[in-house]
Amino acid sequence: MKNARKNIVYSTNPNFSFESDDESEEQEIPANQQSLKIFPDRRNRKGKTVTVVSGFSGSNESLKNLGKELKSYCGTGGTTKDGEIFIQGNAVQKISDYLKAKGYRVKISGI
């Protein structure tokens, strides 16, 4: 309850109640309603290529799970950061095929 009360010290309103942050969770959007953008990227990576998947809508946990599935499927490393999934190497077509099989709409750019 203390975490929900940060930045509030005192209220004179007798009907005031603290709202928890749990209610602001993003609702899960089905895969067939999401449009993901996939592109290779070499900027600020010392010439190494990574495949970026952006446009995912959902909770951070769902994003991390999808990133984990993609890393496992491609057999490479990667990370999730700022609502995007980064997979090492140029695996645009492989990731596109996997996401289409899972029901996502996919747009490939920058090839």
C-alpha atoms as a PDB file:
ATOM      1  CA  MET A   1       0.000   0.000   0.000  1.00  0.00           C
ATOM      2  CA  LYS A   2       2.920   2.349   0.648  1.00  0.00           C
ATOM      3  CA  ASN A   3       4.062   2.177  -2.994  1.00  0.00           C
ATOM      4  CA  ALA A   4       0.647   3.438  -4.108  1.00  0.00           C
ATOM      5  CA  ARG A   5       0.958   6.438  -1.777  1.00  0.00           C
ATOM      6  CA  LYS A   6       4.166   7.957  -3.060  1.00  0.00           C
ATOM      7  CA  ASN A   7       4.047  11.711  -3.611  1.00  0.00           C
ATOM      8  CA  ILE A   8       0.897  12.077  -1.456  1.00  0.00           C
ATOM      9  CA  VAL A   9       1.450  13.279   2.077  1.00  0.00           C
ATOM     10  CA  TYR A  10      -1.956  14.387   3.311  1.00  0.00           C
ATOM     11  CA  SER A  11      -5.477  14.842   1.941  1.00  0.00           C
ATOM     12  CA  THR A  12      -8.366  16.752   3.508  1.00  0.00           C
ATOM     13  CA  ASN A  13     -10.941  14.991   1.332  1.00  0.00           C
ATOM     14  CA  PRO A  14     -12.813  12.440   3.532  1.00  0.00           C
ATOM     15  CA  ASN A  15     -13.738  10.361   0.435  1.00  0.00           C
ATOM     16  CA  PHE A  16     -10.182  10.151  -0.901  1.00  0.00           C
ATOM     17  CA  SER A  17      -8.767   6.689  -1.514  1.00  0.00           C
ATOM     18  CA  PHE A  18      -5.419   5.601  -2.853  1.00  0.00           C
ATOM     19  CA  GLU A  19      -5.428   3.996  -6.297  1.00  0.00           C
ATOM     20  CA  SER A  20      -3.009   1.174  -6.913  1.00  0.00           C
ATOM     21  CA  ASP A  21      -0.829   0.996 -10.021  1.00  0.00           C
ATOM     22  CA  ASP A  22      -2.043  -2.558 -10.733  1.00  0.00           C
ATOM     23  CA  GLU A  23      -5.136  -1.207 -12.482  1.00  0.00           C
ATOM     24  CA  SER A  24      -3.022   0.541 -15.118  1.00  0.00           C
ATOM     25  CA  GLU A  25      -1.662  -2.714 -16.582  1.00  0.00           C
ATOM     26  CA  GLU A  26      -1.889  -2.912 -20.357  1.00  0.00           C
ATOM     27  CA  GLN A  27      -4.447  -5.338 -21.658  1.00  0.00           C
ATOM     28  CA  GLU A  28      -3.205  -8.128 -23.882  1.00  0.00           C
ATOM     29  CA  ILE A  29      -3.944  -7.627 -27.560  1.00  0.00           C
ATOM     30  CA  PRO A  30      -4.363 -10.821 -29.605  1.00  0.00           C
ATOM     31  CA  ALA A  31      -1.580 -11.669 -32.055  1.00  0.00           C
ATOM     32  CA  ASN A  32      -3.817 -11.314 -35.106  1.00  0.00           C
ATOM     33  CA  GLN A  33      -4.543  -7.668 -34.182  1.00  0.00           C
ATOM     34  CA  GLN A  34      -0.890  -6.666 -33.812  1.00  0.00           C
ATOM     35  CA  SER A  35       1.264  -5.404 -36.659  1.00  0.00           C
ATOM     36  CA  LEU A  36       4.982  -5.845 -36.048  1.00  0.00           C
ATOM     37  CA  LYS A  37       7.773  -4.168 -37.996  1.00  0.00           C
ATOM     38  CA  ILE A  38      10.974  -6.159 -38.592  1.00  0.00           C
ATOM     39  CA  PHE A  39      14.200  -4.630 -39.906  1.00  0.00           C
ATOM     40  CA  PRO A  40      17.978  -5.157 -39.713  1.00  0.00           C
ATOM     41  CA  ASP A  41      19.975  -2.468 -37.954  1.00  0.00           C
ATOM     42  CA  ARG A  42      23.724  -1.728 -37.819  1.00  0.00           C
ATOM     43  CA  ARG A  43      23.756   1.734 -36.249  1.00  0.00           C
ATOM     44  CA  ASN A  44      25.998   2.151 -33.178  1.00  0.00           C
ATOM     45  CA  ARG A  45      26.858  -1.560 -33.118  1.00  0.00           C
ATOM     46  CA  LYS A  46      30.430  -1.504 -34.471  1.00  0.00           C
ATOM     47  CA  GLY A  47      29.334  -2.986 -37.800  1.00  0.00           C
ATOM     48  CA  LYS A  48      27.422  -5.906 -36.293  1.00  0.00           C
ATOM     49  CA  THR A  49      23.888  -6.506 -37.537  1.00  0.00           C
ATOM     50  CA  VAL A  50      20.904  -7.069 -35.268  1.00  0.00           C
ATOM     51  CA  THR A  51      17.305  -7.749 -36.232  1.00  0.00           C
ATOM     52  CA  VAL A  52      14.834  -5.387 -34.570  1.00  0.00           C
ATOM     53  CA  VAL A  53      11.190  -6.275 -33.952  1.00  0.00           C
ATOM     54  CA  SER A  54       9.127  -3.227 -33.024  1.00  0.00           C
ATOM     55  CA  GLY A  55       5.447  -2.348 -32.641  1.00  0.00           C
ATOM     56  CA  PHE A  56       4.555  -4.941 -29.996  1.00  0.00           C
ATOM     57  CA  SER A  57       1.618  -3.974 -27.782  1.00  0.00           C
ATOM     58  CA  GLY A  58       1.300  -5.704 -24.443  1.00  0.00           C
ATOM     59  CA  SER A  59       2.920  -6.117 -21.077  1.00  0.00           C
ATOM     60  CA  ASN A  60       6.677  -6.187 -20.565  1.00  0.00           C
ATOM     61  CA  GLU A  61       6.414  -9.799 -19.469  1.00  0.00           C
ATOM     62  CA  SER A  62       4.741 -10.771 -22.764  1.00  0.00           C
ATOM     63  CA  LEU A  63       7.411  -8.870 -24.675  1.00  0.00           C
ATOM     64  CA  LYS A  64      10.164 -10.697 -22.807  1.00  0.00           C
ATOM     65  CA  ASN A  65       8.483 -14.061 -23.432  1.00  0.00           C
ATOM     66  CA  LEU A  66       8.209 -13.365 -27.165  1.00  0.00           C
ATOM     67  CA  GLY A  67      11.851 -12.257 -27.209  1.00  0.00           C
ATOM     68  CA  LYS A  68      12.855 -15.469 -25.450  1.00  0.00           C
ATOM     69  CA  GLU A  69      10.911 -17.544 -28.002  1.00  0.00           C
ATOM     70  CA  LEU A  70      12.588 -15.728 -30.896  1.00  0.00           C
ATOM     71  CA  LYS A  71      16.059 -16.129 -29.408  1.00  0.00           C
ATOM     72  CA  SER A  72      15.453 -19.829 -28.916  1.00  0.00           C
ATOM     73  CA  TYR A  73      14.018 -20.255 -32.414  1.00  0.00           C
ATOM     74  CA  CYS A  74      16.935 -18.429 -34.074  1.00  0.00           C
ATOM     75  CA  GLY A  75      19.560 -20.002 -31.840  1.00  0.00           C
ATOM     76  CA  THR A  76      21.174 -16.654 -31.079  1.00  0.00           C
ATOM     77  CA  GLY A  77      21.303 -14.094 -28.311  1.00  0.00           C
ATOM     78  CA  GLY A  78      19.311 -10.934 -27.968  1.00  0.00           C
ATOM     79  CA  THR A  79      17.477  -8.635 -25.605  1.00  0.00           C
ATOM     80  CA  THR A  80      14.273  -6.681 -25.097  1.00  0.00           C
ATOM     81  CA  LYS A  81      14.513  -2.971 -24.491  1.00  0.00           C
ATOM     82  CA  ASP A  82      12.121   0.000 -24.726  1.00  0.00           C
ATOM     83  CA  GLY A  83       9.301  -2.065 -26.227  1.00  0.00           C
ATOM     84  CA  GLU A  84      11.518  -3.588 -28.925  1.00  0.00           C
ATOM     85  CA  ILE A  85      13.142  -6.989 -29.381  1.00  0.00           C
ATOM     86  CA  PHE A  86      16.746  -7.154 -30.580  1.00  0.00           C
ATOM     87  CA  ILE A  87      18.012 -10.467 -32.013  1.00  0.00           C
ATOM     88  CA  GLN A  88      21.684 -10.888 -32.902  1.00  0.00           C
ATOM     89  CA  GLY A  89      22.421 -11.343 -36.585  1.00  0.00           C
ATOM     90  CA  ASN A  90      20.366 -10.775 -39.697  1.00  0.00           C
ATOM     91  CA  ALA A  91      17.414 -13.143 -39.215  1.00  0.00           C
ATOM     92  CA  VAL A  92      14.678 -10.998 -40.716  1.00  0.00           C
ATOM     93  CA  GLN A  93      13.122 -13.694 -42.912  1.00  0.00           C
ATOM     94  CA  LYS A  94      13.352 -16.397 -40.239  1.00  0.00           C
ATOM     95  CA  ILE A  95      11.714 -14.175 -37.607  1.00  0.00           C
ATOM     96  CA  SER A  96       9.073 -13.048 -40.100  1.00  0.00           C
ATOM     97  CA  ASP A  97       8.103 -16.644 -40.897  1.00  0.00           C
ATOM     98  CA  TYR A  98       7.928 -17.526 -37.194  1.00  0.00           C
ATOM     99  CA  LEU A  99       5.759 -14.539 -36.276  1.00  0.00           C
ATOM    100  CA  LYS A 100       3.412 -15.131 -39.232  1.00  0.00           C
ATOM    101  CA  ALA A 101       2.980 -18.729 -38.074  1.00  0.00           C
ATOM    102  CA  LYS A 102       2.020 -17.422 -34.611  1.00  0.00           C
ATOM    103  CA  GLY A 103      -0.628 -15.152 -36.180  1.00  0.00           C
ATOM    104  CA  TYR A 104       1.081 -11.739 -36.099  1.00  0.00           C
ATOM    105  CA  ARG A 105       0.850  -9.343 -39.037  1.00  0.00           C
ATOM    106  CA  VAL A 106       4.386  -8.581 -40.151  1.00  0.00           C
ATOM    107  CA  LYS A 107       5.915  -5.770 -42.176  1.00  0.00           C
ATOM    108  CA  ILE A 108       9.521  -6.140 -43.313  1.00  0.00           C
ATOM    109  CA  SER A 109      11.511  -3.015 -44.092  1.00  0.00           C
ATOM    110  CA  GLY A 110      15.091  -2.021 -44.743  1.00  0.00           C
ATOM    111  CA  ILE A 111      16.295  -5.156 -46.511  1.00  0.00           C
END
